[in-house]
Amino acid sequence: MLMPPISRFMTAKPVTVGRAATLADAHRLMREHAIRHLPVVDDKGELCGVVSERDLHLIETLTEASPEDAQVEDAMVEHPFVVTGDTALDEVAEIMGEHKYGSVVVMGRDGVEGIFTAVDACQVLAQLVRRAVA
């Protein structure tokens, strides 16, 4: 059986945030789009990290930073887990599980192509289980 690529299950064209944006900006984007992870891009649009809702809260709690003043680059994880769209779903899921990654950024020739999160993985699992018992 041929394993499907991650591109079939990722969120294409994900919302991104600039590294100089404030934590308040990142929170707003997450609320508006009902998401918990944002790829972080520099002023050229190149990936430089990923930030999660949890990362934002951690920085605000530990440093008592003001969300209006602190920047996303202070909370982001540099060097996120990155794959290409043709990477097999099982490979991505296995690595995410082994390393406890909450998300993977899918990169293409033109930069950030998509994002695949643990929530996406749960949705894929539910689909597979339904098919298996049908």
N, C-alpha and C. Protein backbone atom coordinates (compact mmCIF):
# COMPACT_ATOMS: atom_id res chain seq x y z
N MET A 1 0.84 -1.18 0.00
CA MET A 1 0.00 0.00 0.00
C MET A 1 0.88 1.25 0.00
N LEU A 2 0.61 2.14 -0.90
CA LEU A 2 1.37 3.38 -1.02
C LEU A 2 0.91 4.36 0.05
N MET A 3 1.86 4.86 0.83
CA MET A 3 1.53 5.80 1.90
C MET A 3 1.24 7.18 1.30
N PRO A 4 0.13 7.81 1.69
CA PRO A 4 -0.19 9.13 1.14
C PRO A 4 0.77 10.19 1.66
N PRO A 5 0.96 11.25 0.87
CA PRO A 5 1.85 12.34 1.29
C PRO A 5 1.16 13.26 2.30
N ILE A 6 1.96 13.92 3.07
CA ILE A 6 1.45 14.85 4.08
C ILE A 6 0.63 15.97 3.45
N SER A 7 0.92 16.31 2.20
CA SER A 7 0.19 17.40 1.53
C SER A 7 -1.31 17.12 1.45
N ARG A 8 -1.71 15.86 1.49
CA ARG A 8 -3.14 15.51 1.44
C ARG A 8 -3.87 15.87 2.73
N PHE A 9 -3.14 16.03 3.81
CA PHE A 9 -3.76 16.21 5.12
C PHE A 9 -3.40 17.53 5.80
N MET A 10 -2.46 18.25 5.27
CA MET A 10 -2.01 19.51 5.88
C MET A 10 -3.04 20.61 5.65
N THR A 11 -2.91 21.66 6.43
CA THR A 11 -3.64 22.89 6.18
C THR A 11 -2.78 23.69 5.21
N ALA A 12 -3.31 23.86 4.00
CA ALA A 12 -2.56 24.59 2.97
C ALA A 12 -2.62 26.09 3.22
N LYS A 13 -1.57 26.77 2.79
CA LYS A 13 -1.48 28.23 2.93
C LYS A 13 -1.85 28.69 4.34
N PRO A 14 -1.10 28.23 5.33
CA PRO A 14 -1.45 28.58 6.71
C PRO A 14 -1.21 30.06 6.99
N VAL A 15 -1.90 30.53 8.00
CA VAL A 15 -1.68 31.88 8.49
C VAL A 15 -0.28 31.92 9.08
N THR A 16 0.48 32.96 8.77
CA THR A 16 1.82 33.12 9.33
C THR A 16 1.87 34.44 10.11
N VAL A 17 2.93 34.59 10.87
CA VAL A 17 3.13 35.81 11.64
C VAL A 17 4.59 36.24 11.48
N GLY A 18 4.84 37.53 11.50
CA GLY A 18 6.19 38.05 11.41
C GLY A 18 6.90 37.94 12.75
N ARG A 19 8.21 37.78 12.69
CA ARG A 19 8.98 37.62 13.92
C ARG A 19 8.94 38.86 14.80
N ALA A 20 8.73 40.03 14.21
CA ALA A 20 8.69 41.28 14.98
C ALA A 20 7.29 41.62 15.47
N ALA A 21 6.29 40.82 15.10
CA ALA A 21 4.93 41.05 15.59
C ALA A 21 4.90 40.87 17.10
N THR A 22 3.93 41.46 17.74
CA THR A 22 3.81 41.32 19.19
C THR A 22 3.08 40.03 19.54
N LEU A 23 3.22 39.63 20.79
CA LEU A 23 2.49 38.46 21.26
C LEU A 23 0.98 38.70 21.14
N ALA A 24 0.57 39.93 21.37
CA ALA A 24 -0.86 40.28 21.22
C ALA A 24 -1.31 40.06 19.78
N ASP A 25 -0.47 40.42 18.81
CA ASP A 25 -0.79 40.19 17.40
C ASP A 25 -0.97 38.70 17.13
N ALA A 26 -0.06 37.89 17.67
CA ALA A 26 -0.13 36.44 17.46
C ALA A 26 -1.39 35.86 18.10
N HIS A 27 -1.71 36.30 19.30
CA HIS A 27 -2.93 35.84 19.97
C HIS A 27 -4.16 36.18 19.12
N ARG A 28 -4.19 37.39 18.59
CA ARG A 28 -5.32 37.84 17.77
C ARG A 28 -5.49 36.95 16.55
N LEU A 29 -4.37 36.67 15.85
CA LEU A 29 -4.43 35.80 14.68
C LEU A 29 -4.94 34.41 15.04
N MET A 30 -4.46 33.89 16.15
CA MET A 30 -4.89 32.56 16.57
C MET A 30 -6.39 32.53 16.88
N ARG A 31 -6.87 33.56 17.56
CA ARG A 31 -8.30 33.63 17.88
C ARG A 31 -9.14 33.77 16.60
N GLU A 32 -8.73 34.68 15.72
CA GLU A 32 -9.49 34.94 14.49
C GLU A 32 -9.61 33.71 13.60
N HIS A 33 -8.57 32.89 13.60
CA HIS A 33 -8.53 31.74 12.70
C HIS A 33 -8.72 30.39 13.42
N ALA A 34 -8.98 30.46 14.73
CA ALA A 34 -9.20 29.25 15.54
C ALA A 34 -8.07 28.24 15.35
N ILE A 35 -6.84 28.72 15.54
CA ILE A 35 -5.64 27.88 15.40
C ILE A 35 -4.76 28.05 16.63
N ARG A 36 -3.80 27.12 16.77
CA ARG A 36 -2.89 27.18 17.92
C ARG A 36 -1.42 27.24 17.54
N HIS A 37 -1.10 27.19 16.25
CA HIS A 37 0.29 27.23 15.78
C HIS A 37 0.41 28.20 14.62
N LEU A 38 1.50 28.97 14.63
CA LEU A 38 1.76 29.92 13.55
C LEU A 38 3.21 29.76 13.08
N PRO A 39 3.42 29.48 11.80
CA PRO A 39 4.79 29.57 11.29
C PRO A 39 5.22 31.05 11.39
N VAL A 40 6.46 31.25 11.76
CA VAL A 40 6.99 32.60 11.91
C VAL A 40 7.92 32.88 10.73
N VAL A 41 7.69 34.01 10.06
CA VAL A 41 8.49 34.37 8.90
C VAL A 41 9.21 35.70 9.13
N ASP A 42 10.33 35.85 8.44
CA ASP A 42 11.07 37.10 8.54
C ASP A 42 10.52 38.11 7.53
N ASP A 43 11.16 39.25 7.42
CA ASP A 43 10.65 40.30 6.53
C ASP A 43 10.75 39.94 5.05
N LYS A 44 11.47 38.87 4.72
CA LYS A 44 11.55 38.39 3.34
C LYS A 44 10.54 37.26 3.10
N GLY A 45 9.80 36.89 4.14
CA GLY A 45 8.82 35.81 4.02
C GLY A 45 9.40 34.43 4.21
N GLU A 46 10.66 34.36 4.68
CA GLU A 46 11.31 33.06 4.89
C GLU A 46 11.04 32.55 6.30
N LEU A 47 10.84 31.24 6.40
CA LEU A 47 10.56 30.63 7.69
C LEU A 47 11.73 30.80 8.64
N CYS A 48 11.44 31.25 9.86
CA CYS A 48 12.49 31.36 10.87
C CYS A 48 12.10 30.71 12.19
N GLY A 49 10.88 30.18 12.26
CA GLY A 49 10.46 29.51 13.48
C GLY A 49 8.98 29.16 13.44
N VAL A 50 8.49 28.70 14.58
CA VAL A 50 7.07 28.41 14.75
C VAL A 50 6.73 28.79 16.18
N VAL A 51 5.53 29.30 16.38
CA VAL A 51 5.10 29.68 17.72
C VAL A 51 3.72 29.06 17.97
N SER A 52 3.56 28.55 19.17
CA SER A 52 2.29 27.96 19.55
C SER A 52 1.63 28.82 20.63
N GLU A 53 0.37 28.58 20.81
CA GLU A 53 -0.37 29.28 21.85
C GLU A 53 0.31 29.03 23.21
N ARG A 54 0.76 27.83 23.40
CA ARG A 54 1.45 27.46 24.65
C ARG A 54 2.75 28.25 24.82
N ASP A 55 3.51 28.43 23.73
CA ASP A 55 4.74 29.21 23.79
C ASP A 55 4.46 30.64 24.22
N LEU A 56 3.39 31.22 23.67
CA LEU A 56 3.03 32.60 24.01
C LEU A 56 2.72 32.72 25.49
N HIS A 57 1.90 31.80 25.99
CA HIS A 57 1.53 31.84 27.41
C HIS A 57 2.74 31.62 28.32
N LEU A 58 3.64 30.75 27.91
CA LEU A 58 4.83 30.48 28.71
C LEU A 58 5.68 31.74 28.86
N ILE A 59 5.94 32.43 27.76
CA ILE A 59 6.75 33.65 27.81
C ILE A 59 6.06 34.71 28.67
N GLU A 60 4.75 34.85 28.50
CA GLU A 60 4.02 35.85 29.28
C GLU A 60 4.06 35.54 30.76
N THR A 61 4.03 34.26 31.10
CA THR A 61 4.03 33.85 32.51
C THR A 61 5.41 33.96 33.14
N LEU A 62 6.41 33.43 32.43
CA LEU A 62 7.76 33.39 33.01
C LEU A 62 8.41 34.76 33.09
N THR A 63 8.20 35.57 32.10
CA THR A 63 8.88 36.86 32.07
C THR A 63 7.99 38.02 32.47
N GLU A 64 6.72 37.71 32.73
CA GLU A 64 5.74 38.75 33.00
C GLU A 64 5.78 39.80 31.90
N ALA A 65 6.02 39.34 30.68
CA ALA A 65 6.10 40.22 29.53
C ALA A 65 4.71 40.71 29.15
N SER A 66 4.65 41.92 28.71
CA SER A 66 3.40 42.47 28.22
C SER A 66 3.16 41.97 26.80
N PRO A 67 1.99 41.39 26.53
CA PRO A 67 1.70 40.90 25.17
C PRO A 67 1.75 42.00 24.12
N GLU A 68 1.58 43.24 24.54
CA GLU A 68 1.62 44.36 23.60
C GLU A 68 3.05 44.80 23.28
N ASP A 69 4.00 44.39 24.12
CA ASP A 69 5.39 44.82 23.93
C ASP A 69 6.32 43.69 23.48
N ALA A 70 6.14 42.51 24.03
CA ALA A 70 7.03 41.38 23.69
C ALA A 70 6.79 40.95 22.25
N GLN A 71 7.86 40.51 21.61
CA GLN A 71 7.78 40.10 20.21
C GLN A 71 7.71 38.59 20.06
N VAL A 72 7.12 38.16 18.96
CA VAL A 72 6.97 36.74 18.65
C VAL A 72 8.32 36.04 18.67
N GLU A 73 9.36 36.69 18.19
CA GLU A 73 10.68 36.04 18.15
C GLU A 73 11.17 35.65 19.54
N ASP A 74 10.63 36.29 20.59
CA ASP A 74 11.00 35.94 21.96
C ASP A 74 10.34 34.63 22.41
N ALA A 75 9.25 34.26 21.75
CA ALA A 75 8.50 33.07 22.15
C ALA A 75 8.63 31.91 21.17
N MET A 76 9.07 32.19 19.95
CA MET A 76 9.08 31.16 18.90
C MET A 76 10.15 30.10 19.13
N VAL A 77 9.89 28.94 18.55
CA VAL A 77 10.88 27.86 18.51
C VAL A 77 11.61 28.00 17.19
N GLU A 78 12.92 28.22 17.27
CA GLU A 78 13.71 28.31 16.04
C GLU A 78 13.93 26.89 15.51
N HIS A 79 14.16 26.78 14.24
CA HIS A 79 14.44 25.49 13.59
C HIS A 79 13.31 24.47 13.84
N PRO A 80 12.09 24.80 13.43
CA PRO A 80 10.99 23.86 13.62
C PRO A 80 11.17 22.63 12.74
N PHE A 81 10.40 21.60 13.04
CA PHE A 81 10.37 20.39 12.23
C PHE A 81 9.76 20.76 10.88
N VAL A 82 10.50 20.51 9.82
CA VAL A 82 10.09 20.90 8.47
C VAL A 82 10.17 19.69 7.56
N VAL A 83 9.16 19.55 6.69
CA VAL A 83 9.16 18.51 5.67
C VAL A 83 8.68 19.11 4.36
N THR A 84 8.77 18.32 3.29
CA THR A 84 8.20 18.75 2.01
C THR A 84 6.84 18.06 1.87
N GLY A 85 6.04 18.55 0.96
CA GLY A 85 4.69 18.03 0.77
C GLY A 85 4.62 16.58 0.37
N ASP A 86 5.69 16.04 -0.19
CA ASP A 86 5.66 14.64 -0.62
C ASP A 86 6.15 13.67 0.46
N THR A 87 6.46 14.17 1.65
CA THR A 87 6.88 13.29 2.74
C THR A 87 5.68 12.43 3.17
N ALA A 88 5.94 11.16 3.39
CA ALA A 88 4.88 10.22 3.75
C ALA A 88 4.25 10.55 5.11
N LEU A 89 2.95 10.43 5.16
CA LEU A 89 2.19 10.71 6.38
C LEU A 89 2.70 9.91 7.57
N ASP A 90 2.97 8.62 7.39
CA ASP A 90 3.41 7.81 8.52
C ASP A 90 4.76 8.27 9.07
N GLU A 91 5.64 8.70 8.19
CA GLU A 91 6.95 9.19 8.61
C GLU A 91 6.80 10.45 9.47
N VAL A 92 5.96 11.36 9.01
CA VAL A 92 5.73 12.61 9.74
C VAL A 92 5.12 12.31 11.11
N ALA A 93 4.08 11.47 11.12
CA ALA A 93 3.40 11.15 12.38
C ALA A 93 4.35 10.46 13.37
N GLU A 94 5.18 9.56 12.86
CA GLU A 94 6.11 8.86 13.74
C GLU A 94 7.11 9.83 14.37
N ILE A 95 7.66 10.72 13.58
CA ILE A 95 8.63 11.69 14.11
C ILE A 95 7.96 12.66 15.09
N MET A 96 6.75 13.10 14.75
CA MET A 96 6.02 13.98 15.67
C MET A 96 5.81 13.29 17.01
N GLY A 97 5.42 12.02 16.96
CA GLY A 97 5.19 11.28 18.20
C GLY A 97 6.46 11.05 19.00
N GLU A 98 7.53 10.66 18.31
CA GLU A 98 8.81 10.40 19.00
C GLU A 98 9.35 11.63 19.71
N HIS A 99 9.21 12.79 19.06
CA HIS A 99 9.80 14.02 19.60
C HIS A 99 8.79 14.92 20.30
N LYS A 100 7.52 14.48 20.32
CA LYS A 100 6.45 15.25 20.95
C LYS A 100 6.28 16.63 20.30
N TYR A 101 6.40 16.66 18.98
CA TYR A 101 6.17 17.91 18.25
C TYR A 101 4.67 18.14 18.11
N GLY A 102 4.26 19.37 18.29
CA GLY A 102 2.85 19.73 18.13
C GLY A 102 2.49 20.08 16.71
N SER A 103 3.53 20.36 15.90
CA SER A 103 3.26 20.73 14.52
C SER A 103 4.49 20.48 13.65
N VAL A 104 4.23 20.44 12.37
CA VAL A 104 5.29 20.35 11.37
C VAL A 104 4.96 21.37 10.28
N VAL A 105 5.97 22.08 9.84
CA VAL A 105 5.78 23.06 8.76
C VAL A 105 6.13 22.37 7.45
N VAL A 106 5.25 22.51 6.47
CA VAL A 106 5.46 21.91 5.16
C VAL A 106 5.97 23.01 4.23
N MET A 107 7.18 22.78 3.70
CA MET A 107 7.83 23.79 2.86
C MET A 107 7.84 23.35 1.39
N GLY A 108 7.75 24.33 0.52
CA GLY A 108 7.84 24.10 -0.91
C GLY A 108 8.79 25.10 -1.54
N ARG A 109 8.83 25.12 -2.84
CA ARG A 109 9.74 26.04 -3.56
C ARG A 109 9.49 27.50 -3.20
N ASP A 110 8.24 27.84 -2.96
CA ASP A 110 7.89 29.23 -2.69
C ASP A 110 7.76 29.55 -1.20
N GLY A 111 8.30 28.70 -0.36
CA GLY A 111 8.25 28.95 1.08
C GLY A 111 7.27 28.05 1.80
N VAL A 112 6.60 28.61 2.80
CA VAL A 112 5.67 27.84 3.63
C VAL A 112 4.46 27.45 2.79
N GLU A 113 4.25 26.14 2.65
CA GLU A 113 3.14 25.60 1.86
C GLU A 113 1.98 25.15 2.74
N GLY A 114 2.31 24.69 3.94
CA GLY A 114 1.27 24.18 4.82
C GLY A 114 1.77 23.93 6.21
N ILE A 115 0.84 23.48 7.04
CA ILE A 115 1.17 23.09 8.40
C ILE A 115 0.32 21.86 8.74
N PHE A 116 0.92 20.94 9.48
CA PHE A 116 0.24 19.73 9.93
C PHE A 116 0.44 19.67 11.42
N THR A 117 -0.65 19.59 12.17
CA THR A 117 -0.57 19.63 13.63
C THR A 117 -1.04 18.32 14.24
N ALA A 118 -0.85 18.21 15.54
CA ALA A 118 -1.32 17.02 16.26
C ALA A 118 -2.83 16.89 16.14
N VAL A 119 -3.54 17.99 16.06
CA VAL A 119 -5.00 17.95 15.86
C VAL A 119 -5.31 17.34 14.49
N ASP A 120 -4.55 17.74 13.47
CA ASP A 120 -4.73 17.14 12.14
C ASP A 120 -4.48 15.64 12.19
N ALA A 121 -3.46 15.24 12.93
CA ALA A 121 -3.13 13.81 13.04
C ALA A 121 -4.28 13.05 13.70
N CYS A 122 -4.92 13.63 14.70
CA CYS A 122 -6.06 12.98 15.35
C CYS A 122 -7.23 12.84 14.38
N GLN A 123 -7.43 13.86 13.54
CA GLN A 123 -8.51 13.79 12.55
C GLN A 123 -8.24 12.69 11.53
N VAL A 124 -6.98 12.55 11.09
CA VAL A 124 -6.62 11.49 10.16
C VAL A 124 -6.83 10.13 10.82
N LEU A 125 -6.43 10.00 12.07
CA LEU A 125 -6.62 8.74 12.79
C LEU A 125 -8.10 8.38 12.86
N ALA A 126 -8.94 9.35 13.17
CA ALA A 126 -10.38 9.09 13.25
C ALA A 126 -10.92 8.60 11.90
N GLN A 127 -10.48 9.22 10.80
CA GLN A 127 -10.91 8.79 9.46
C GLN A 127 -10.50 7.35 9.20
N LEU A 128 -9.24 7.02 9.54
CA LEU A 128 -8.74 5.68 9.30
C LEU A 128 -9.47 4.63 10.13
N VAL A 129 -9.77 4.96 11.37
CA VAL A 129 -10.49 4.03 12.24
C VAL A 129 -11.89 3.79 11.70
N ARG A 130 -12.57 4.86 11.28
CA ARG A 130 -13.91 4.71 10.72
C ARG A 130 -13.91 3.79 9.50
N ARG A 131 -12.91 3.97 8.64
CA ARG A 131 -12.81 3.13 7.45
C ARG A 131 -12.53 1.67 7.81
N ALA A 132 -11.71 1.47 8.83
CA ALA A 132 -11.32 0.12 9.23
C ALA A 132 -12.50 -0.66 9.81
N VAL A 133 -13.40 0.02 10.49
CA VAL A 133 -14.53 -0.67 11.12
C VAL A 133 -15.78 -0.66 10.25
N ALA A 134 -15.73 0.03 9.14
CA ALA A 134 -16.91 0.11 8.25
C ALA A 134 -17.08 -1.16 7.44
